[in-house]
Amino acid sequence: MAGPKTIKKKFFEVRAPLTSAKVMLYGVSAEQFIDNVVKIDLTKNLKGKSLELRAKVKQDSSGLYGEPISLELIPSYIRRMMRKGSDYVEDSFILRCKDATLRIKPFMLTRKKVSRSIRNELRIATKKNLESFMTIRTAEEIFSEIMTNKIQKELFLKLKKIYPLSLCEIRVAEIISQPSLQSQTEIAEEKRAAKKKQESE
């Protein structure tokens, strides 16, 4: 009597569109990995900068690929950058780009100790500059420009007018919703606003 048929497993490659890094997943079929989240350490790609990309596995005609959902600096990298005699400034806020809503967590280090008012100025200016920068870009473009340090460089140049920084980073960038997943509350508010506008005309 023949025994149960053995299901053979093999490796499946997941393309990461924003990086040359490859992820190999071991399983029975490509379909079993769809919507799974994979983590990609970009430290080697970014010459020692410890950044982790999280991507959701999707499938197209070419095979499996990773759809970026977040970027995060590894905590040990932040700890290495900390210096005595300086202050750190961090914040967390939600911004919209062209095709998604993101949670952004900037992190800055000043060259010396600074007052609370200067730290608040830096937070306000950071949010304002990032808001104008991201409104005209897609989430993928934002992730790409964080990885190439473009956003951080532009922000660094603008913030040094308030106070010189030794470090200016995006600690976390995370997609939290897509326009198609707009909440019922937001939809209701937009309908009320449209109705009020019609009545006033």
N, C-alpha and C. Protein backbone atom coordinates (compact mmCIF):
# COMPACT_ATOMS: atom_id res chain seq x y z
N MET A 1 0.85 -1.20 0.00
CA MET A 1 0.00 0.00 0.00
C MET A 1 0.89 1.25 0.00
N ALA A 2 0.60 2.14 -0.93
CA ALA A 2 1.41 3.35 -1.07
C ALA A 2 1.15 4.32 0.08
N GLY A 3 2.20 4.95 0.55
CA GLY A 3 2.08 5.91 1.63
C GLY A 3 1.54 7.24 1.12
N PRO A 4 1.30 8.18 2.02
CA PRO A 4 0.80 9.50 1.62
C PRO A 4 1.79 10.20 0.70
N LYS A 5 1.28 10.92 -0.27
CA LYS A 5 2.10 11.63 -1.24
C LYS A 5 2.83 12.79 -0.55
N THR A 6 4.11 12.86 -0.75
CA THR A 6 4.91 13.92 -0.16
C THR A 6 4.82 15.19 -1.01
N ILE A 7 4.47 16.28 -0.37
CA ILE A 7 4.38 17.56 -1.08
C ILE A 7 5.76 18.22 -1.07
N LYS A 8 6.29 18.44 -2.26
CA LYS A 8 7.62 19.03 -2.34
C LYS A 8 7.58 20.54 -2.14
N LYS A 9 8.53 21.03 -1.36
CA LYS A 9 8.65 22.46 -1.14
C LYS A 9 9.84 22.99 -1.94
N LYS A 10 9.79 24.28 -2.23
CA LYS A 10 10.90 24.89 -2.94
C LYS A 10 10.99 26.37 -2.56
N PHE A 11 12.04 27.03 -3.04
CA PHE A 11 12.23 28.44 -2.75
C PHE A 11 11.54 29.30 -3.81
N PHE A 12 10.92 30.38 -3.31
CA PHE A 12 10.27 31.35 -4.21
C PHE A 12 10.92 32.71 -3.96
N GLU A 13 11.30 33.36 -5.04
CA GLU A 13 11.94 34.67 -4.93
C GLU A 13 10.90 35.78 -4.91
N VAL A 14 11.09 36.74 -3.98
CA VAL A 14 10.21 37.91 -3.90
C VAL A 14 11.02 39.13 -4.33
N ARG A 15 10.59 39.79 -5.39
CA ARG A 15 11.28 41.00 -5.84
C ARG A 15 10.94 42.16 -4.92
N ALA A 16 11.92 42.99 -4.65
CA ALA A 16 11.70 44.21 -3.86
C ALA A 16 11.95 45.39 -4.79
N PRO A 17 10.90 46.03 -5.33
CA PRO A 17 11.04 47.07 -6.35
C PRO A 17 11.96 48.24 -5.99
N LEU A 18 12.06 48.60 -4.72
CA LEU A 18 12.84 49.77 -4.33
C LEU A 18 14.30 49.45 -4.01
N THR A 19 14.67 48.20 -4.07
CA THR A 19 16.02 47.82 -3.69
C THR A 19 16.47 46.61 -4.50
N SER A 20 17.78 46.39 -4.55
CA SER A 20 18.31 45.23 -5.26
C SER A 20 18.27 43.97 -4.39
N ALA A 21 17.90 44.14 -3.12
CA ALA A 21 17.83 42.99 -2.20
C ALA A 21 16.76 42.01 -2.66
N LYS A 22 17.01 40.73 -2.41
CA LYS A 22 16.04 39.68 -2.76
C LYS A 22 15.65 38.90 -1.51
N VAL A 23 14.42 38.46 -1.50
CA VAL A 23 13.91 37.66 -0.38
C VAL A 23 13.52 36.30 -0.93
N MET A 24 14.00 35.25 -0.29
CA MET A 24 13.66 33.89 -0.70
C MET A 24 12.75 33.27 0.35
N LEU A 25 11.59 32.80 -0.10
CA LEU A 25 10.63 32.16 0.80
C LEU A 25 10.50 30.69 0.44
N TYR A 26 10.41 29.86 1.45
CA TYR A 26 10.39 28.41 1.25
C TYR A 26 8.99 27.87 1.52
N GLY A 27 8.40 27.24 0.51
CA GLY A 27 7.05 26.72 0.70
C GLY A 27 6.60 25.87 -0.45
N VAL A 28 5.31 25.56 -0.43
CA VAL A 28 4.72 24.66 -1.42
C VAL A 28 4.35 25.40 -2.71
N SER A 29 3.78 26.61 -2.56
CA SER A 29 3.35 27.37 -3.73
C SER A 29 3.50 28.86 -3.48
N ALA A 30 3.57 29.62 -4.55
CA ALA A 30 3.71 31.07 -4.44
C ALA A 30 2.48 31.68 -3.78
N GLU A 31 1.32 31.09 -4.06
CA GLU A 31 0.06 31.65 -3.55
C GLU A 31 -0.02 31.68 -2.04
N GLN A 32 0.67 30.77 -1.37
CA GLN A 32 0.57 30.71 0.09
C GLN A 32 1.22 31.93 0.76
N PHE A 33 2.06 32.66 0.02
CA PHE A 33 2.77 33.80 0.59
C PHE A 33 2.07 35.13 0.33
N ILE A 34 1.05 35.15 -0.52
CA ILE A 34 0.38 36.40 -0.86
C ILE A 34 -0.21 37.05 0.39
N ASP A 35 0.06 38.35 0.57
CA ASP A 35 -0.36 39.17 1.70
C ASP A 35 0.44 38.93 2.98
N ASN A 36 1.43 38.03 2.93
CA ASN A 36 2.35 37.91 4.05
C ASN A 36 3.26 39.14 4.08
N VAL A 37 3.76 39.48 5.25
CA VAL A 37 4.66 40.62 5.39
C VAL A 37 6.09 40.11 5.58
N VAL A 38 7.01 40.63 4.75
CA VAL A 38 8.42 40.25 4.87
C VAL A 38 9.23 41.46 5.31
N LYS A 39 10.32 41.21 6.02
CA LYS A 39 11.22 42.27 6.47
C LYS A 39 12.53 42.18 5.71
N ILE A 40 13.02 43.33 5.25
CA ILE A 40 14.26 43.37 4.48
C ILE A 40 15.23 44.34 5.16
N ASP A 41 16.37 43.82 5.60
CA ASP A 41 17.39 44.66 6.23
C ASP A 41 18.21 45.32 5.12
N LEU A 42 18.16 46.66 5.08
CA LEU A 42 18.84 47.41 4.01
C LEU A 42 20.21 47.94 4.42
N THR A 43 20.73 47.47 5.55
CA THR A 43 22.00 48.00 6.07
C THR A 43 23.13 47.91 5.05
N LYS A 44 23.28 46.76 4.39
CA LYS A 44 24.36 46.59 3.40
C LYS A 44 24.14 47.49 2.19
N ASN A 45 22.89 47.62 1.76
CA ASN A 45 22.58 48.45 0.59
C ASN A 45 22.84 49.93 0.86
N LEU A 46 22.68 50.35 2.13
CA LEU A 46 22.79 51.77 2.47
C LEU A 46 24.10 52.09 3.19
N LYS A 47 25.12 51.28 2.97
CA LYS A 47 26.46 51.54 3.49
C LYS A 47 26.49 51.74 5.00
N GLY A 48 25.83 50.83 5.72
CA GLY A 48 25.90 50.85 7.18
C GLY A 48 24.74 51.53 7.88
N LYS A 49 23.90 52.25 7.14
CA LYS A 49 22.74 52.88 7.77
C LYS A 49 21.69 51.81 8.00
N SER A 50 21.33 51.57 9.24
CA SER A 50 20.46 50.44 9.59
C SER A 50 18.98 50.77 9.38
N LEU A 51 18.48 50.45 8.20
CA LEU A 51 17.10 50.73 7.85
C LEU A 51 16.41 49.42 7.47
N GLU A 52 15.20 49.23 7.99
CA GLU A 52 14.44 48.01 7.70
C GLU A 52 13.20 48.34 6.89
N LEU A 53 13.04 47.63 5.78
CA LEU A 53 11.87 47.79 4.92
C LEU A 53 10.91 46.63 5.17
N ARG A 54 9.65 46.94 5.42
CA ARG A 54 8.60 45.91 5.53
C ARG A 54 7.74 46.00 4.28
N ALA A 55 7.47 44.84 3.68
CA ALA A 55 6.69 44.82 2.44
C ALA A 55 5.66 43.70 2.48
N LYS A 56 4.52 43.96 1.85
CA LYS A 56 3.48 42.95 1.76
C LYS A 56 3.64 42.21 0.43
N VAL A 57 3.63 40.90 0.49
CA VAL A 57 3.86 40.08 -0.71
C VAL A 57 2.63 40.11 -1.62
N LYS A 58 2.87 40.45 -2.88
CA LYS A 58 1.82 40.45 -3.91
C LYS A 58 2.32 39.62 -5.09
N GLN A 59 1.42 39.37 -6.03
CA GLN A 59 1.80 38.58 -7.20
C GLN A 59 1.31 39.24 -8.48
N ASP A 60 2.17 39.25 -9.50
CA ASP A 60 1.78 39.71 -10.82
C ASP A 60 2.23 38.67 -11.84
N SER A 61 2.17 39.03 -13.12
CA SER A 61 2.52 38.07 -14.18
C SER A 61 3.98 37.64 -14.13
N SER A 62 4.82 38.44 -13.46
CA SER A 62 6.25 38.11 -13.38
C SER A 62 6.61 37.33 -12.12
N GLY A 63 5.65 37.14 -11.23
CA GLY A 63 5.93 36.41 -10.00
C GLY A 63 5.61 37.22 -8.76
N LEU A 64 6.27 36.90 -7.66
CA LEU A 64 6.02 37.56 -6.39
C LEU A 64 6.85 38.85 -6.28
N TYR A 65 6.26 39.87 -5.67
CA TYR A 65 6.99 41.11 -5.41
C TYR A 65 6.53 41.69 -4.08
N GLY A 66 7.35 42.56 -3.51
CA GLY A 66 7.02 43.16 -2.22
C GLY A 66 6.48 44.57 -2.41
N GLU A 67 5.31 44.82 -1.89
CA GLU A 67 4.71 46.16 -1.93
C GLU A 67 5.07 46.87 -0.62
N PRO A 68 5.89 47.91 -0.66
CA PRO A 68 6.37 48.55 0.57
C PRO A 68 5.23 49.07 1.45
N ILE A 69 5.32 48.79 2.74
CA ILE A 69 4.31 49.31 3.67
C ILE A 69 4.94 50.13 4.81
N SER A 70 6.25 49.95 5.05
CA SER A 70 6.88 50.79 6.08
C SER A 70 8.41 50.75 5.97
N LEU A 71 9.01 51.82 6.46
CA LEU A 71 10.46 51.90 6.63
C LEU A 71 10.72 52.30 8.07
N GLU A 72 11.72 51.70 8.69
CA GLU A 72 12.02 52.05 10.08
C GLU A 72 13.51 51.93 10.35
N LEU A 73 14.07 52.96 10.98
CA LEU A 73 15.45 52.89 11.43
C LEU A 73 15.55 51.90 12.59
N ILE A 74 16.53 51.03 12.54
CA ILE A 74 16.72 50.07 13.62
C ILE A 74 17.20 50.83 14.87
N PRO A 75 16.58 50.59 16.04
CA PRO A 75 16.89 51.36 17.27
C PRO A 75 18.38 51.44 17.61
N SER A 76 19.13 50.39 17.33
CA SER A 76 20.56 50.42 17.66
C SER A 76 21.30 51.50 16.87
N TYR A 77 20.82 51.83 15.67
CA TYR A 77 21.44 52.88 14.87
C TYR A 77 21.24 54.24 15.54
N ILE A 78 20.01 54.47 16.05
CA ILE A 78 19.72 55.72 16.76
C ILE A 78 20.60 55.85 18.00
N ARG A 79 20.74 54.76 18.74
CA ARG A 79 21.56 54.79 19.96
C ARG A 79 23.02 55.13 19.64
N ARG A 80 23.52 54.63 18.52
CA ARG A 80 24.92 54.91 18.13
C ARG A 80 25.12 56.38 17.80
N MET A 81 24.06 57.04 17.32
CA MET A 81 24.16 58.43 16.89
C MET A 81 24.05 59.43 18.06
N MET A 82 23.52 58.96 19.19
CA MET A 82 23.32 59.85 20.33
C MET A 82 24.67 60.34 20.88
N ARG A 83 24.70 61.63 21.27
CA ARG A 83 25.91 62.23 21.81
C ARG A 83 25.60 63.00 23.09
N LYS A 84 26.53 62.99 24.03
CA LYS A 84 26.36 63.79 25.24
C LYS A 84 26.42 65.27 24.88
N GLY A 85 25.68 66.07 25.63
CA GLY A 85 25.70 67.50 25.40
C GLY A 85 24.82 67.96 24.25
N SER A 86 23.95 67.06 23.76
CA SER A 86 23.01 67.43 22.70
C SER A 86 21.60 67.06 23.12
N ASP A 87 20.62 67.55 22.38
CA ASP A 87 19.22 67.21 22.63
C ASP A 87 18.65 66.48 21.43
N TYR A 88 17.71 65.58 21.69
CA TYR A 88 17.03 64.95 20.56
C TYR A 88 15.62 65.51 20.45
N VAL A 89 15.14 65.59 19.24
CA VAL A 89 13.81 66.11 18.96
C VAL A 89 13.09 65.07 18.11
N GLU A 90 11.94 64.62 18.57
CA GLU A 90 11.17 63.66 17.79
C GLU A 90 9.70 64.03 17.81
N ASP A 91 8.97 63.46 16.87
CA ASP A 91 7.55 63.77 16.75
C ASP A 91 6.87 62.60 16.04
N SER A 92 5.55 62.63 16.00
CA SER A 92 4.78 61.63 15.28
C SER A 92 3.51 62.29 14.77
N PHE A 93 3.27 62.19 13.47
CA PHE A 93 2.07 62.80 12.91
C PHE A 93 1.64 62.05 11.65
N ILE A 94 0.43 62.34 11.22
CA ILE A 94 -0.13 61.67 10.05
C ILE A 94 -0.23 62.67 8.90
N LEU A 95 0.27 62.26 7.73
CA LEU A 95 0.24 63.09 6.54
C LEU A 95 -0.32 62.31 5.37
N ARG A 96 -0.92 63.04 4.45
CA ARG A 96 -1.43 62.40 3.24
C ARG A 96 -0.49 62.68 2.07
N CYS A 97 -0.28 61.65 1.25
CA CYS A 97 0.44 61.85 0.00
C CYS A 97 -0.56 61.61 -1.14
N LYS A 98 -0.09 61.42 -2.37
CA LYS A 98 -1.00 61.34 -3.50
C LYS A 98 -1.88 60.09 -3.46
N ASP A 99 -1.38 58.99 -2.90
CA ASP A 99 -2.14 57.75 -2.97
C ASP A 99 -2.29 57.01 -1.64
N ALA A 100 -1.94 57.66 -0.54
CA ALA A 100 -2.06 56.98 0.76
C ALA A 100 -1.97 57.97 1.91
N THR A 101 -2.26 57.45 3.10
CA THR A 101 -2.06 58.21 4.33
C THR A 101 -0.95 57.54 5.11
N LEU A 102 0.02 58.34 5.57
CA LEU A 102 1.19 57.78 6.23
C LEU A 102 1.36 58.33 7.64
N ARG A 103 1.92 57.51 8.51
CA ARG A 103 2.38 57.97 9.81
C ARG A 103 3.88 58.22 9.70
N ILE A 104 4.30 59.42 10.03
CA ILE A 104 5.70 59.81 9.91
C ILE A 104 6.25 60.14 11.30
N LYS A 105 7.45 59.60 11.59
CA LYS A 105 8.10 59.89 12.87
C LYS A 105 9.52 60.39 12.60
N PRO A 106 9.71 61.72 12.55
CA PRO A 106 11.05 62.27 12.34
C PRO A 106 11.86 62.21 13.63
N PHE A 107 13.18 62.25 13.46
CA PHE A 107 14.10 62.23 14.61
C PHE A 107 15.27 63.13 14.29
N MET A 108 15.58 64.07 15.20
CA MET A 108 16.68 65.00 14.99
C MET A 108 17.55 65.11 16.24
N LEU A 109 18.83 65.36 16.01
CA LEU A 109 19.77 65.62 17.10
C LEU A 109 20.36 67.00 16.91
N THR A 110 20.30 67.80 17.97
CA THR A 110 20.92 69.14 17.91
C THR A 110 22.39 69.02 18.30
N ARG A 111 23.17 70.00 17.89
CA ARG A 111 24.61 69.94 18.20
C ARG A 111 24.89 70.23 19.67
N LYS A 112 24.01 71.03 20.29
CA LYS A 112 24.16 71.35 21.71
C LYS A 112 22.79 71.30 22.38
N LYS A 113 22.76 71.47 23.68
CA LYS A 113 21.50 71.54 24.40
C LYS A 113 20.72 72.78 23.94
N VAL A 114 19.41 72.63 23.76
CA VAL A 114 18.60 73.76 23.30
C VAL A 114 17.36 73.91 24.17
N SER A 115 16.72 75.06 24.09
CA SER A 115 15.53 75.33 24.89
C SER A 115 14.32 74.57 24.33
N ARG A 116 13.28 74.49 25.15
CA ARG A 116 12.04 73.83 24.73
C ARG A 116 11.42 74.56 23.54
N SER A 117 11.50 75.90 23.53
CA SER A 117 10.90 76.67 22.43
C SER A 117 11.57 76.36 21.09
N ILE A 118 12.89 76.16 21.09
CA ILE A 118 13.58 75.81 19.85
C ILE A 118 13.19 74.40 19.41
N ARG A 119 13.04 73.49 20.35
CA ARG A 119 12.62 72.14 19.99
C ARG A 119 11.23 72.16 19.38
N ASN A 120 10.35 72.99 19.93
CA ASN A 120 9.00 73.11 19.36
C ASN A 120 9.03 73.72 17.96
N GLU A 121 9.89 74.72 17.77
CA GLU A 121 10.04 75.33 16.44
C GLU A 121 10.49 74.29 15.42
N LEU A 122 11.43 73.45 15.82
CA LEU A 122 11.93 72.40 14.93
C LEU A 122 10.82 71.41 14.57
N ARG A 123 9.99 71.04 15.55
CA ARG A 123 8.88 70.12 15.28
C ARG A 123 7.88 70.73 14.29
N ILE A 124 7.51 71.98 14.54
CA ILE A 124 6.52 72.65 13.68
C ILE A 124 7.05 72.78 12.25
N ALA A 125 8.32 73.20 12.12
CA ALA A 125 8.91 73.37 10.80
C ALA A 125 9.05 72.03 10.08
N THR A 126 9.38 70.99 10.82
CA THR A 126 9.52 69.66 10.23
C THR A 126 8.20 69.19 9.63
N LYS A 127 7.13 69.29 10.41
CA LYS A 127 5.83 68.84 9.92
C LYS A 127 5.39 69.66 8.70
N LYS A 128 5.59 70.97 8.76
CA LYS A 128 5.18 71.84 7.66
C LYS A 128 5.93 71.50 6.37
N ASN A 129 7.25 71.32 6.48
CA ASN A 129 8.05 71.01 5.30
C ASN A 129 7.75 69.63 4.74
N LEU A 130 7.56 68.64 5.60
CA LEU A 130 7.25 67.30 5.13
C LEU A 130 5.87 67.25 4.48
N GLU A 131 4.95 68.01 5.03
CA GLU A 131 3.59 68.04 4.48
C GLU A 131 3.61 68.55 3.03
N SER A 132 4.30 69.65 2.79
CA SER A 132 4.36 70.21 1.43
C SER A 132 5.14 69.29 0.50
N PHE A 133 6.14 68.61 1.02
CA PHE A 133 6.97 67.70 0.22
C PHE A 133 6.19 66.46 -0.21
N MET A 134 5.39 65.91 0.71
CA MET A 134 4.75 64.62 0.45
C MET A 134 3.43 64.72 -0.31
N THR A 135 2.79 65.87 -0.24
CA THR A 135 1.49 66.03 -0.90
C THR A 135 1.54 65.72 -2.38
N ILE A 136 2.67 66.01 -3.02
CA ILE A 136 2.77 65.85 -4.48
C ILE A 136 3.47 64.55 -4.88
N ARG A 137 3.69 63.65 -3.93
CA ARG A 137 4.38 62.40 -4.22
C ARG A 137 3.55 61.18 -3.83
N THR A 138 3.83 60.05 -4.47
CA THR A 138 3.20 58.79 -4.09
C THR A 138 3.95 58.18 -2.92
N ALA A 139 3.35 57.20 -2.27
CA ALA A 139 4.00 56.53 -1.15
C ALA A 139 5.30 55.86 -1.59
N GLU A 140 5.30 55.26 -2.77
CA GLU A 140 6.51 54.59 -3.26
C GLU A 140 7.63 55.60 -3.51
N GLU A 141 7.28 56.76 -4.04
CA GLU A 141 8.28 57.81 -4.26
C GLU A 141 8.86 58.30 -2.94
N ILE A 142 8.00 58.43 -1.93
CA ILE A 142 8.45 58.87 -0.61
C ILE A 142 9.41 57.86 0.00
N PHE A 143 9.05 56.57 -0.06
CA PHE A 143 9.94 55.54 0.47
C PHE A 143 11.28 55.55 -0.26
N SER A 144 11.23 55.68 -1.58
CA SER A 144 12.46 55.72 -2.37
C SER A 144 13.35 56.89 -1.97
N GLU A 145 12.75 58.05 -1.74
CA GLU A 145 13.54 59.24 -1.41
C GLU A 145 14.02 59.24 0.03
N ILE A 146 13.35 58.51 0.90
CA ILE A 146 13.87 58.32 2.26
C ILE A 146 15.10 57.40 2.20
N MET A 147 15.01 56.35 1.39
CA MET A 147 16.11 55.39 1.27
C MET A 147 17.36 56.04 0.65
N THR A 148 17.16 56.98 -0.27
CA THR A 148 18.30 57.66 -0.89
C THR A 148 18.72 58.91 -0.13
N ASN A 149 18.04 59.17 0.99
CA ASN A 149 18.36 60.29 1.89
C ASN A 149 18.01 61.67 1.31
N LYS A 150 17.23 61.71 0.25
CA LYS A 150 16.89 62.98 -0.39
C LYS A 150 16.02 63.85 0.52
N ILE A 151 14.98 63.23 1.10
CA ILE A 151 14.07 63.99 1.97
C ILE A 151 14.83 64.54 3.17
N GLN A 152 15.66 63.70 3.79
CA GLN A 152 16.38 64.12 4.98
C GLN A 152 17.34 65.27 4.68
N LYS A 153 18.01 65.23 3.53
CA LYS A 153 18.96 66.29 3.17
C LYS A 153 18.25 67.63 3.00
N GLU A 154 17.11 67.60 2.29
CA GLU A 154 16.36 68.83 2.07
C GLU A 154 15.84 69.40 3.39
N LEU A 155 15.36 68.51 4.24
CA LEU A 155 14.85 68.93 5.55
C LEU A 155 15.97 69.49 6.42
N PHE A 156 17.12 68.85 6.39
CA PHE A 156 18.29 69.30 7.16
C PHE A 156 18.66 70.74 6.81
N LEU A 157 18.69 71.05 5.50
CA LEU A 157 19.07 72.39 5.06
C LEU A 157 18.08 73.45 5.51
N LYS A 158 16.80 73.09 5.57
CA LYS A 158 15.78 74.06 5.99
C LYS A 158 15.77 74.24 7.51
N LEU A 159 15.99 73.17 8.24
CA LEU A 159 15.94 73.25 9.70
C LEU A 159 17.17 73.92 10.31
N LYS A 160 18.30 73.89 9.61
CA LYS A 160 19.50 74.51 10.18
C LYS A 160 19.36 76.02 10.29
N LYS A 161 18.36 76.59 9.61
CA LYS A 161 18.10 78.03 9.75
C LYS A 161 17.51 78.33 11.13
N ILE A 162 16.89 77.31 11.73
CA ILE A 162 16.35 77.45 13.09
C ILE A 162 17.43 77.13 14.11
N TYR A 163 18.10 75.97 13.91
CA TYR A 163 19.20 75.58 14.79
C TYR A 163 20.01 74.48 14.11
N PRO A 164 21.35 74.53 14.20
CA PRO A 164 22.21 73.51 13.56
C PRO A 164 21.93 72.11 14.14
N LEU A 165 21.82 71.14 13.25
CA LEU A 165 21.57 69.77 13.64
C LEU A 165 22.78 68.90 13.33
N SER A 166 22.97 67.86 14.12
CA SER A 166 24.01 66.88 13.82
C SER A 166 23.40 65.65 13.14
N LEU A 167 22.08 65.50 13.24
CA LEU A 167 21.39 64.37 12.62
C LEU A 167 19.96 64.76 12.30
N CYS A 168 19.50 64.38 11.11
CA CYS A 168 18.11 64.62 10.71
C CYS A 168 17.63 63.39 9.96
N GLU A 169 16.71 62.65 10.56
CA GLU A 169 16.28 61.39 9.98
C GLU A 169 14.76 61.23 10.02
N ILE A 170 14.27 60.34 9.17
CA ILE A 170 12.89 59.87 9.28
C ILE A 170 12.99 58.53 9.98
N ARG A 171 12.61 58.49 11.24
CA ARG A 171 12.77 57.24 12.01
C ARG A 171 11.78 56.18 11.57
N VAL A 172 10.54 56.61 11.26
CA VAL A 172 9.51 55.68 10.79
C VAL A 172 8.67 56.36 9.72
N ALA A 173 8.39 55.63 8.64
CA ALA A 173 7.42 56.04 7.63
C ALA A 173 6.55 54.82 7.36
N GLU A 174 5.27 54.94 7.64
CA GLU A 174 4.39 53.76 7.59
C GLU A 174 3.06 54.10 6.93
N ILE A 175 2.66 53.30 5.95
CA ILE A 175 1.35 53.47 5.34
C ILE A 175 0.29 52.96 6.30
N ILE A 176 -0.69 53.79 6.61
CA ILE A 176 -1.75 53.36 7.53
C ILE A 176 -3.11 53.21 6.84
N SER A 177 -3.26 53.79 5.65
CA SER A 177 -4.52 53.60 4.91
C SER A 177 -4.34 54.04 3.47
N GLN A 178 -5.22 53.54 2.62
CA GLN A 178 -5.28 53.92 1.22
C GLN A 178 -6.56 54.71 0.99
N PRO A 179 -6.65 55.56 -0.04
CA PRO A 179 -7.87 56.32 -0.32
C PRO A 179 -9.10 55.44 -0.46
N SER A 180 -8.91 54.24 -1.00
CA SER A 180 -10.04 53.33 -1.20
C SER A 180 -10.58 52.79 0.11
N LEU A 181 -9.76 52.93 1.20
CA LEU A 181 -10.17 52.45 2.51
C LEU A 181 -10.62 53.59 3.41
N GLN A 182 -11.09 54.65 2.76
CA GLN A 182 -11.53 55.83 3.49
C GLN A 182 -12.61 55.46 4.51
N SER A 183 -12.50 55.99 5.70
CA SER A 183 -13.44 55.63 6.75
C SER A 183 -14.83 56.20 6.50
N GLN A 184 -15.82 55.56 7.07
CA GLN A 184 -17.20 56.01 6.93
C GLN A 184 -17.38 57.41 7.49
N THR A 185 -16.64 57.72 8.56
CA THR A 185 -16.72 59.06 9.16
C THR A 185 -16.26 60.12 8.18
N GLU A 186 -15.13 59.86 7.51
CA GLU A 186 -14.61 60.82 6.54
C GLU A 186 -15.59 61.01 5.38
N ILE A 187 -16.17 59.90 4.91
CA ILE A 187 -17.13 59.98 3.80
C ILE A 187 -18.34 60.81 4.20
N ALA A 188 -18.85 60.57 5.43
CA ALA A 188 -20.02 61.31 5.92
C ALA A 188 -19.71 62.80 6.05
N GLU A 189 -18.50 63.12 6.54
CA GLU A 189 -18.11 64.52 6.69
C GLU A 189 -18.02 65.21 5.33
N GLU A 190 -17.49 64.51 4.34
CA GLU A 190 -17.39 65.09 3.00
C GLU A 190 -18.77 65.32 2.39
N LYS A 191 -19.68 64.40 2.64
CA LYS A 191 -21.04 64.56 2.13
C LYS A 191 -21.74 65.76 2.77
N ARG A 192 -21.56 65.92 4.09
CA ARG A 192 -22.16 67.05 4.79
C ARG A 192 -21.59 68.38 4.28
N ALA A 193 -20.26 68.40 4.05
CA ALA A 193 -19.62 69.61 3.54
C ALA A 193 -20.13 69.96 2.15
N ALA A 194 -20.31 68.94 1.30
CA ALA A 194 -20.81 69.17 -0.06
C ALA A 194 -22.25 69.67 -0.04
N LYS A 195 -23.06 69.09 0.86
CA LYS A 195 -24.45 69.51 0.98
C LYS A 195 -24.54 70.95 1.47
N LYS A 196 -23.71 71.30 2.45
CA LYS A 196 -23.70 72.66 3.00
C LYS A 196 -23.30 73.66 1.94
N LYS A 197 -22.34 73.26 1.10
CA LYS A 197 -21.88 74.16 0.02
C LYS A 197 -22.98 74.40 -1.00
N GLN A 198 -23.74 73.35 -1.33
CA GLN A 198 -24.84 73.48 -2.29
C GLN A 198 -25.93 74.39 -1.74
N GLU A 199 -26.21 74.26 -0.43
CA GLU A 199 -27.26 75.08 0.18
C GLU A 199 -26.87 76.55 0.21
N SER A 200 -25.58 76.83 0.34
CA SER A 200 -25.13 78.22 0.43
C SER A 200 -25.06 78.91 -0.93
N GLU A 201 -25.05 78.09 -2.00
CA GLU A 201 -24.95 78.66 -3.34
C GLU A 201 -26.31 79.13 -3.88
